[in-house]
Amino acid sequence: MPHHEQLTFLGIRPPVERRSAALSAQTPPRLEERRKFPDSYLEDHLIALVDSLHVKHLPPLAEAQKYWELTQRPYGFTPSRLAKVAGKDVLHVTESLSFMTWPAQTREILARTTLSHGHLYQLKRLANLAEVIPLAAEAEKAHWTVDALKDRVSNLLGLHDKTQAEAERKLVTSLLLDPLARELRQGDFDPISTLWPRLLSDASLQHVAAWTVQYRGNLKWGLEVKAATADPAASRLKLAEWFRKMADALEGNR
């Protein structure tokens, strides 16, 4: 794809060359080519970054690093824009970006493993950073599947009661999707009140954001969420991670 078409695809308008005839005549061809785009280095670097996202078998932490670079200045890509140019869904991109909240040393150690994106996402659920590396090493040595690691992480988080989770999932489904159940449960009674104590004590949720919930009647809830970071740029990723964890919990997947 020609250079100017690549820039257009990435949402960047190529600069218009404005040169006088006298200057053009005095400028050697090599220098003229180099000055064709004033920001050629940035543009070439951007194209190289995006192209590298399409490499087969790209390690998950290398992929996360490239996504993160594209969210920084001067590019400022959003997760949705990243998903479009990388050919991935937004959830995958957001999960990848969450890996960058690990300390650099932790990322370096995990990058030397053969664990997949799915494995790393399960490890990201752990609130205790000290548990991440030992569990990663155990998972790699034993060749755990993503589901096996998910179960182990759930055990560490105290979410091992699958029977209770399944019962709560069915309760939520019946109360929120069945019209008659909704009618019977409307009013001051919170139909999923049994879920909140467990979720409020979930360390992985509290690690990402401080939150409270209030039932306002007629199947309406008020949630107040404060991301566990003072960095405005990082707060978006923290909130995205919190909402994903909350969705998993409400669906009975955690």
C-alpha atoms as a PDB file:
ATOM      1  CA  MET A   1       0.000   0.000   0.000  1.00  0.00           C
ATOM      2  CA  PRO A   2       1.470   3.437  -0.941  1.00  0.00           C
ATOM      3  CA  HIS A   3       2.665   5.632   1.930  1.00  0.00           C
ATOM      4  CA  HIS A   4      -0.114   8.213   1.604  1.00  0.00           C
ATOM      5  CA  GLU A   5      -2.793   5.498   1.466  1.00  0.00           C
ATOM      6  CA  GLN A   6      -1.423   3.878   4.616  1.00  0.00           C
ATOM      7  CA  LEU A   7      -1.661   7.192   6.450  1.00  0.00           C
ATOM      8  CA  THR A   8      -5.224   7.710   5.255  1.00  0.00           C
ATOM      9  CA  PHE A   9      -6.195   4.227   6.503  1.00  0.00           C
ATOM     10  CA  LEU A  10      -4.756   5.081   9.915  1.00  0.00           C
ATOM     11  CA  GLY A  11      -6.827   8.247  10.075  1.00  0.00           C
ATOM     12  CA  ILE A  12      -3.984  10.677   9.303  1.00  0.00           C
ATOM     13  CA  ARG A  13      -4.113  13.231   6.511  1.00  0.00           C
ATOM     14  CA  PRO A  14      -0.761  13.309   4.697  1.00  0.00           C
ATOM     15  CA  PRO A  15       0.780  16.809   4.775  1.00  0.00           C
ATOM     16  CA  VAL A  16       0.644  18.830   1.575  1.00  0.00           C
ATOM     17  CA  GLU A  17       4.043  19.672   0.133  1.00  0.00           C
ATOM     18  CA  ARG A  18       4.415  23.423  -0.418  1.00  0.00           C
ATOM     19  CA  ARG A  19       7.707  24.326  -2.029  1.00  0.00           C
ATOM     20  CA  SER A  20       8.748  27.241  -4.225  1.00  0.00           C
ATOM     21  CA  ALA A  21      10.174  26.574  -7.672  1.00  0.00           C
ATOM     22  CA  ALA A  22      13.414  28.313  -6.665  1.00  0.00           C
ATOM     23  CA  LEU A  23      13.851  26.128  -3.569  1.00  0.00           C
ATOM     24  CA  SER A  24      13.058  22.989  -5.534  1.00  0.00           C
ATOM     25  CA  ALA A  25      15.670  23.870  -8.073  1.00  0.00           C
ATOM     26  CA  GLN A  26      18.328  24.439  -5.394  1.00  0.00           C
ATOM     27  CA  THR A  27      17.598  21.306  -3.333  1.00  0.00           C
ATOM     28  CA  PRO A  28      19.416  18.043  -4.153  1.00  0.00           C
ATOM     29  CA  PRO A  29      17.013  15.175  -4.973  1.00  0.00           C
ATOM     30  CA  ARG A  30      17.983  13.136  -1.903  1.00  0.00           C
ATOM     31  CA  LEU A  31      17.311  16.010   0.512  1.00  0.00           C
ATOM     32  CA  GLU A  32      14.088  16.845  -1.328  1.00  0.00           C
ATOM     33  CA  GLU A  33      12.827  13.286  -0.844  1.00  0.00           C
ATOM     34  CA  ARG A  34      13.727  13.393   2.852  1.00  0.00           C
ATOM     35  CA  ARG A  35      11.761  16.613   3.324  1.00  0.00           C
ATOM     36  CA  LYS A  36       8.717  15.397   1.406  1.00  0.00           C
ATOM     37  CA  PHE A  37       6.868  14.736   4.691  1.00  0.00           C
ATOM     38  CA  PRO A  38       7.978  16.938   7.599  1.00  0.00           C
ATOM     39  CA  ASP A  39       7.034  14.237  10.135  1.00  0.00           C
ATOM     40  CA  SER A  40       8.245  11.317   8.043  1.00  0.00           C
ATOM     41  CA  TYR A  41       9.976   9.609  10.957  1.00  0.00           C
ATOM     42  CA  LEU A  42       6.827   9.608  13.081  1.00  0.00           C
ATOM     43  CA  GLU A  43       4.700   8.484  10.153  1.00  0.00           C
ATOM     44  CA  ASP A  44       7.076   5.673   9.205  1.00  0.00           C
ATOM     45  CA  HIS A  45       7.285   4.575  12.838  1.00  0.00           C
ATOM     46  CA  LEU A  46       3.493   4.561  13.085  1.00  0.00           C
ATOM     47  CA  ILE A  47       3.118   2.448   9.960  1.00  0.00           C
ATOM     48  CA  ALA A  48       5.833   0.059  11.172  1.00  0.00           C
ATOM     49  CA  LEU A  49       4.082  -0.309  14.537  1.00  0.00           C
ATOM     50  CA  VAL A  50       0.720  -1.065  12.953  1.00  0.00           C
ATOM     51  CA  ASP A  51       2.267  -3.470  10.444  1.00  0.00           C
ATOM     52  CA  SER A  52       4.002  -5.335  13.264  1.00  0.00           C
ATOM     53  CA  LEU A  53       0.620  -6.029  14.893  1.00  0.00           C
ATOM     54  CA  HIS A  54      -0.200  -8.308  11.981  1.00  0.00           C
ATOM     55  CA  VAL A  55       2.817 -10.566  12.501  1.00  0.00           C
ATOM     56  CA  LYS A  56       1.758 -14.177  13.073  1.00  0.00           C
ATOM     57  CA  HIS A  57       2.288 -15.630  16.542  1.00  0.00           C
ATOM     58  CA  LEU A  58       3.087 -12.253  18.102  1.00  0.00           C
ATOM     59  CA  PRO A  59       3.805 -12.846  21.831  1.00  0.00           C
ATOM     60  CA  PRO A  60       1.033 -11.360  23.989  1.00  0.00           C
ATOM     61  CA  LEU A  61       3.259  -8.985  25.953  1.00  0.00           C
ATOM     62  CA  ALA A  62       4.985  -7.772  22.790  1.00  0.00           C
ATOM     63  CA  GLU A  63       1.520  -7.120  21.365  1.00  0.00           C
ATOM     64  CA  ALA A  64       0.525  -5.260  24.532  1.00  0.00           C
ATOM     65  CA  GLN A  65       3.651  -3.103  24.330  1.00  0.00           C
ATOM     66  CA  LYS A  66       2.849  -2.094  20.742  1.00  0.00           C
ATOM     67  CA  TYR A  67      -0.752  -1.251  21.661  1.00  0.00           C
ATOM     68  CA  TRP A  68       0.502   0.844  24.565  1.00  0.00           C
ATOM     69  CA  GLU A  69       2.958   2.753  22.342  1.00  0.00           C
ATOM     70  CA  LEU A  70       0.129   3.613  19.981  1.00  0.00           C
ATOM     71  CA  THR A  71      -1.976   5.026  22.828  1.00  0.00           C
ATOM     72  CA  GLN A  72       0.803   7.447  23.779  1.00  0.00           C
ATOM     73  CA  ARG A  73       1.693  10.794  22.222  1.00  0.00           C
ATOM     74  CA  PRO A  74       1.876  11.752  19.453  1.00  0.00           C
ATOM     75  CA  TYR A  75      -0.479   9.010  18.206  1.00  0.00           C
ATOM     76  CA  GLY A  76      -3.125   8.800  20.947  1.00  0.00           C
ATOM     77  CA  PHE A  77      -5.013   5.779  19.599  1.00  0.00           C
ATOM     78  CA  THR A  78      -8.134   4.708  21.506  1.00  0.00           C
ATOM     79  CA  PRO A  79      -8.805   0.973  22.116  1.00  0.00           C
ATOM     80  CA  SER A  80     -11.568   1.015  19.499  1.00  0.00           C
ATOM     81  CA  ARG A  81      -9.279   2.577  16.896  1.00  0.00           C
ATOM     82  CA  LEU A  82      -6.526   0.101  17.781  1.00  0.00           C
ATOM     83  CA  ALA A  83      -8.964  -2.770  17.347  1.00  0.00           C
ATOM     84  CA  LYS A  84      -9.878  -1.518  13.885  1.00  0.00           C
ATOM     85  CA  VAL A  85      -6.324  -1.202  12.564  1.00  0.00           C
ATOM     86  CA  ALA A  86      -5.158  -4.445  14.228  1.00  0.00           C
ATOM     87  CA  GLY A  87      -8.161  -6.495  13.132  1.00  0.00           C
ATOM     88  CA  LYS A  88      -8.985  -7.518  16.720  1.00  0.00           C
ATOM     89  CA  ASP A  89     -12.022  -6.940  18.919  1.00  0.00           C
ATOM     90  CA  VAL A  90     -11.965  -4.107  21.443  1.00  0.00           C
ATOM     91  CA  LEU A  91     -12.100  -6.485  24.414  1.00  0.00           C
ATOM     92  CA  HIS A  92      -8.902  -8.225  23.281  1.00  0.00           C
ATOM     93  CA  VAL A  93      -7.119  -4.876  22.900  1.00  0.00           C
ATOM     94  CA  THR A  94      -8.314  -3.627  26.290  1.00  0.00           C
ATOM     95  CA  GLU A  95      -7.194  -6.842  27.972  1.00  0.00           C
ATOM     96  CA  SER A  96      -3.793  -6.510  26.313  1.00  0.00           C
ATOM     97  CA  LEU A  97      -3.426  -2.932  27.517  1.00  0.00           C
ATOM     98  CA  SER A  98      -4.217  -4.067  31.071  1.00  0.00           C
ATOM     99  CA  PHE A  99      -1.048  -6.208  31.006  1.00  0.00           C
ATOM    100  CA  MET A 100       0.965  -2.986  30.879  1.00  0.00           C
ATOM    101  CA  THR A 101      -0.145  -2.134  34.430  1.00  0.00           C
ATOM    102  CA  TRP A 102       2.139  -4.905  35.703  1.00  0.00           C
ATOM    103  CA  PRO A 103       5.577  -3.655  36.807  1.00  0.00           C
ATOM    104  CA  ALA A 104       8.236  -3.828  34.092  1.00  0.00           C
ATOM    105  CA  GLN A 105      10.140  -6.580  35.928  1.00  0.00           C
ATOM    106  CA  THR A 106       7.013  -8.733  36.110  1.00  0.00           C
ATOM    107  CA  ARG A 107       6.345  -8.215  32.395  1.00  0.00           C
ATOM    108  CA  GLU A 108       9.927  -9.138  31.530  1.00  0.00           C
ATOM    109  CA  ILE A 109       9.665 -12.434  33.417  1.00  0.00           C
ATOM    110  CA  LEU A 110       6.265 -13.289  31.928  1.00  0.00           C
ATOM    111  CA  ALA A 111       7.545 -12.430  28.437  1.00  0.00           C
ATOM    112  CA  ARG A 112      10.030 -15.289  28.745  1.00  0.00           C
ATOM    113  CA  THR A 113       7.208 -17.809  29.202  1.00  0.00           C
ATOM    114  CA  THR A 114       5.082 -19.438  26.518  1.00  0.00           C
ATOM    115  CA  LEU A 115       1.792 -18.449  28.172  1.00  0.00           C
ATOM    116  CA  SER A 116      -0.950 -17.190  25.861  1.00  0.00           C
ATOM    117  CA  HIS A 117      -3.021 -14.024  26.005  1.00  0.00           C
ATOM    118  CA  GLY A 118      -5.778 -16.001  27.743  1.00  0.00           C
ATOM    119  CA  HIS A 119      -3.371 -17.281  30.409  1.00  0.00           C
ATOM    120  CA  LEU A 120      -2.059 -13.785  31.114  1.00  0.00           C
ATOM    121  CA  TYR A 121      -5.582 -12.410  31.408  1.00  0.00           C
ATOM    122  CA  GLN A 122      -6.370 -14.985  34.095  1.00  0.00           C
ATOM    123  CA  LEU A 123      -3.188 -14.052  35.967  1.00  0.00           C
ATOM    124  CA  LYS A 124      -4.276 -10.393  35.748  1.00  0.00           C
ATOM    125  CA  ARG A 125      -7.219 -11.256  37.999  1.00  0.00           C
ATOM    126  CA  LEU A 126      -4.835 -11.785  40.914  1.00  0.00           C
ATOM    127  CA  ALA A 127      -4.753  -8.837  43.300  1.00  0.00           C
ATOM    128  CA  ASN A 128      -1.585 -10.116  44.995  1.00  0.00           C
ATOM    129  CA  LEU A 129       1.327  -9.439  42.646  1.00  0.00           C
ATOM    130  CA  ALA A 130       3.527 -11.887  44.559  1.00  0.00           C
ATOM    131  CA  GLU A 131       1.315 -14.755  43.364  1.00  0.00           C
ATOM    132  CA  VAL A 132       1.596 -13.965  39.653  1.00  0.00           C
ATOM    133  CA  ILE A 133       5.099 -15.225  38.806  1.00  0.00           C
ATOM    134  CA  PRO A 134       4.980 -18.482  40.829  1.00  0.00           C
ATOM    135  CA  LEU A 135       1.580 -19.377  39.395  1.00  0.00           C
ATOM    136  CA  ALA A 136       2.736 -18.504  35.870  1.00  0.00           C
ATOM    137  CA  ALA A 137       5.739 -20.802  36.266  1.00  0.00           C
ATOM    138  CA  GLU A 138       3.520 -23.608  37.580  1.00  0.00           C
ATOM    139  CA  ALA A 139       1.040 -23.168  34.722  1.00  0.00           C
ATOM    140  CA  GLU A 140       3.787 -23.275  32.097  1.00  0.00           C
ATOM    141  CA  LYS A 141       5.538 -26.282  33.623  1.00  0.00           C
ATOM    142  CA  ALA A 142       2.311 -28.294  33.904  1.00  0.00           C
ATOM    143  CA  HIS A 143       0.990 -27.114  30.500  1.00  0.00           C
ATOM    144  CA  TRP A 144      -2.268 -25.887  32.025  1.00  0.00           C
ATOM    145  CA  THR A 145      -5.090 -24.873  29.733  1.00  0.00           C
ATOM    146  CA  VAL A 146      -6.630 -21.441  30.162  1.00  0.00           C
ATOM    147  CA  ASP A 147      -9.628 -23.026  31.923  1.00  0.00           C
ATOM    148  CA  ALA A 148      -7.342 -24.900  34.318  1.00  0.00           C
ATOM    149  CA  LEU A 149      -5.552 -21.680  35.215  1.00  0.00           C
ATOM    150  CA  LYS A 150      -8.879 -19.883  35.554  1.00  0.00           C
ATOM    151  CA  ASP A 151     -10.031 -22.467  38.106  1.00  0.00           C
ATOM    152  CA  ARG A 152      -6.772 -22.147  40.044  1.00  0.00           C
ATOM    153  CA  VAL A 153      -7.014 -18.358  40.146  1.00  0.00           C
ATOM    154  CA  SER A 154     -10.646 -18.613  41.263  1.00  0.00           C
ATOM    155  CA  ASN A 155      -9.555 -20.908  44.098  1.00  0.00           C
ATOM    156  CA  LEU A 156      -6.939 -18.399  45.207  1.00  0.00           C
ATOM    157  CA  LEU A 157      -9.567 -15.657  45.161  1.00  0.00           C
ATOM    158  CA  GLY A 158     -12.000 -17.750  47.179  1.00  0.00           C
ATOM    159  CA  LEU A 159     -14.393 -18.155  44.252  1.00  0.00           C
ATOM    160  CA  HIS A 160     -14.239 -21.939  44.062  1.00  0.00           C
ATOM    161  CA  ASP A 161     -17.887 -22.648  44.882  1.00  0.00           C
ATOM    162  CA  LYS A 162     -19.176 -23.336  41.367  1.00  0.00           C
ATOM    163  CA  THR A 163     -22.515 -24.596  42.682  1.00  0.00           C
ATOM    164  CA  GLN A 164     -23.187 -21.272  44.403  1.00  0.00           C
ATOM    165  CA  ALA A 165     -22.046 -19.296  41.362  1.00  0.00           C
ATOM    166  CA  GLU A 166     -24.323 -21.322  39.078  1.00  0.00           C
ATOM    167  CA  ALA A 167     -27.280 -20.877  41.436  1.00  0.00           C
ATOM    168  CA  GLU A 168     -26.667 -17.127  41.554  1.00  0.00           C
ATOM    169  CA  ARG A 169     -26.372 -16.971  37.772  1.00  0.00           C
ATOM    170  CA  LYS A 170     -29.728 -18.734  37.353  1.00  0.00           C
ATOM    171  CA  LEU A 171     -31.294 -16.412  39.939  1.00  0.00           C
ATOM    172  CA  VAL A 172     -30.054 -13.338  38.089  1.00  0.00           C
ATOM    173  CA  THR A 173     -31.310 -14.728  34.787  1.00  0.00           C
ATOM    174  CA  SER A 174     -34.763 -15.520  36.129  1.00  0.00           C
ATOM    175  CA  LEU A 175     -35.163 -12.204  37.924  1.00  0.00           C
ATOM    176  CA  LEU A 176     -33.817  -9.941  35.203  1.00  0.00           C
ATOM    177  CA  LEU A 177     -35.062 -11.698  32.071  1.00  0.00           C
ATOM    178  CA  ASP A 178     -38.408 -13.183  33.096  1.00  0.00           C
ATOM    179  CA  PRO A 179     -41.212 -10.537  32.958  1.00  0.00           C
ATOM    180  CA  LEU A 180     -43.282 -12.171  35.711  1.00  0.00           C
ATOM    181  CA  ALA A 181     -40.307 -12.455  38.014  1.00  0.00           C
ATOM    182  CA  ARG A 182     -39.477  -8.793  37.409  1.00  0.00           C
ATOM    183  CA  GLU A 183     -43.016  -7.768  38.275  1.00  0.00           C
ATOM    184  CA  LEU A 184     -43.016  -9.788  41.488  1.00  0.00           C
ATOM    185  CA  ARG A 185     -39.626  -8.476  42.571  1.00  0.00           C
ATOM    186  CA  GLN A 186     -40.112  -4.803  41.798  1.00  0.00           C
ATOM    187  CA  GLY A 187     -40.104  -2.352  44.681  1.00  0.00           C
ATOM    188  CA  ASP A 188     -37.682  -2.062  47.567  1.00  0.00           C
ATOM    189  CA  PHE A 189     -36.288  -5.598  47.394  1.00  0.00           C
ATOM    190  CA  ASP A 190     -32.991  -6.044  45.556  1.00  0.00           C
ATOM    191  CA  PRO A 191     -33.395  -9.281  43.546  1.00  0.00           C
ATOM    192  CA  ILE A 192     -29.634  -9.920  43.444  1.00  0.00           C
ATOM    193  CA  SER A 193     -28.848  -8.790  46.977  1.00  0.00           C
ATOM    194  CA  THR A 194     -27.108 -12.111  47.699  1.00  0.00           C
ATOM    195  CA  LEU A 195     -24.436 -11.295  45.114  1.00  0.00           C
ATOM    196  CA  TRP A 196     -23.187  -7.990  46.503  1.00  0.00           C
ATOM    197  CA  PRO A 197     -21.496  -9.178  49.750  1.00  0.00           C
ATOM    198  CA  ARG A 198     -19.346 -11.635  47.787  1.00  0.00           C
ATOM    199  CA  LEU A 199     -18.460  -9.104  45.096  1.00  0.00           C
ATOM    200  CA  LEU A 200     -17.715  -6.326  47.592  1.00  0.00           C
ATOM    201  CA  SER A 201     -15.259  -8.636  49.359  1.00  0.00           C
ATOM    202  CA  ASP A 202     -13.624  -9.699  46.091  1.00  0.00           C
ATOM    203  CA  ALA A 203     -10.024  -8.529  46.413  1.00  0.00           C
ATOM    204  CA  SER A 204      -9.453  -8.509  42.640  1.00  0.00           C
ATOM    205  CA  LEU A 205     -12.277  -5.996  42.168  1.00  0.00           C
ATOM    206  CA  GLN A 206     -11.176  -3.778  45.066  1.00  0.00           C
ATOM    207  CA  HIS A 207      -7.611  -3.825  43.736  1.00  0.00           C
ATOM    208  CA  VAL A 208      -8.760  -2.232  40.488  1.00  0.00           C
ATOM    209  CA  ALA A 209     -11.271   0.269  41.874  1.00  0.00           C
ATOM    210  CA  ALA A 210     -13.086   1.245  45.054  1.00  0.00           C
ATOM    211  CA  TRP A 211     -16.824   0.897  44.571  1.00  0.00           C
ATOM    212  CA  THR A 212     -20.201   0.905  46.287  1.00  0.00           C
ATOM    213  CA  VAL A 213     -23.647  -0.156  45.138  1.00  0.00           C
ATOM    214  CA  GLN A 214     -27.117   1.036  46.099  1.00  0.00           C
ATOM    215  CA  TYR A 215     -30.429  -0.488  45.053  1.00  0.00           C
ATOM    216  CA  ARG A 216     -32.921   2.225  44.084  1.00  0.00           C
ATOM    217  CA  GLY A 217     -35.981   0.076  43.503  1.00  0.00           C
ATOM    218  CA  ASN A 218     -37.743  -1.113  40.361  1.00  0.00           C
ATOM    219  CA  LEU A 219     -34.650  -2.986  39.153  1.00  0.00           C
ATOM    220  CA  LYS A 220     -32.411   0.077  39.196  1.00  0.00           C
ATOM    221  CA  TRP A 221     -28.973   0.144  40.793  1.00  0.00           C
ATOM    222  CA  GLY A 222     -26.566   2.970  41.460  1.00  0.00           C
ATOM    223  CA  LEU A 223     -22.857   2.170  41.280  1.00  0.00           C
ATOM    224  CA  GLU A 224     -20.136   4.548  42.409  1.00  0.00           C
ATOM    225  CA  VAL A 225     -16.712   3.512  41.115  1.00  0.00           C
ATOM    226  CA  LYS A 226     -13.366   5.203  41.747  1.00  0.00           C
ATOM    227  CA  ALA A 227     -10.387   3.864  39.816  1.00  0.00           C
ATOM    228  CA  ALA A 228      -7.427   2.914  42.005  1.00  0.00           C
ATOM    229  CA  THR A 229      -5.060   5.350  40.291  1.00  0.00           C
ATOM    230  CA  ALA A 230      -4.408   9.084  40.201  1.00  0.00           C
ATOM    231  CA  ASP A 231      -3.293   8.937  36.565  1.00  0.00           C
ATOM    232  CA  PRO A 232      -6.132  10.107  34.252  1.00  0.00           C
ATOM    233  CA  ALA A 233      -4.785   8.042  31.354  1.00  0.00           C
ATOM    234  CA  ALA A 234      -4.514   4.876  33.442  1.00  0.00           C
ATOM    235  CA  SER A 235      -7.939   5.374  35.026  1.00  0.00           C
ATOM    236  CA  ARG A 236      -9.681   4.424  31.758  1.00  0.00           C
ATOM    237  CA  LEU A 237      -7.889   1.081  31.686  1.00  0.00           C
ATOM    238  CA  LYS A 238      -8.629   0.490  35.380  1.00  0.00           C
ATOM    239  CA  LEU A 239     -12.336   1.171  34.838  1.00  0.00           C
ATOM    240  CA  ALA A 240     -12.405  -1.091  31.780  1.00  0.00           C
ATOM    241  CA  GLU A 241     -10.789  -3.872  33.790  1.00  0.00           C
ATOM    242  CA  TRP A 242     -13.263  -3.358  36.660  1.00  0.00           C
ATOM    243  CA  PHE A 243     -16.300  -3.544  34.357  1.00  0.00           C
ATOM    244  CA  ARG A 244     -14.977  -6.740  32.742  1.00  0.00           C
ATOM    245  CA  LYS A 245     -14.438  -8.364  36.140  1.00  0.00           C
ATOM    246  CA  MET A 246     -17.903  -7.254  37.285  1.00  0.00           C
ATOM    247  CA  ALA A 247     -19.512  -8.647  34.122  1.00  0.00           C
ATOM    248  CA  ASP A 248     -17.763 -11.993  34.643  1.00  0.00           C
ATOM    249  CA  ALA A 249     -18.950 -12.114  38.240  1.00  0.00           C
ATOM    250  CA  LEU A 250     -22.561 -11.277  37.401  1.00  0.00           C
ATOM    251  CA  GLU A 251     -22.578 -13.947  34.703  1.00  0.00           C
ATOM    252  CA  GLY A 252     -21.266 -16.514  37.152  1.00  0.00           C
ATOM    253  CA  ASN A 253     -17.918 -16.912  35.381  1.00  0.00           C
ATOM    254  CA  ARG A 254     -15.824 -16.001  38.418  1.00  0.00           C
END
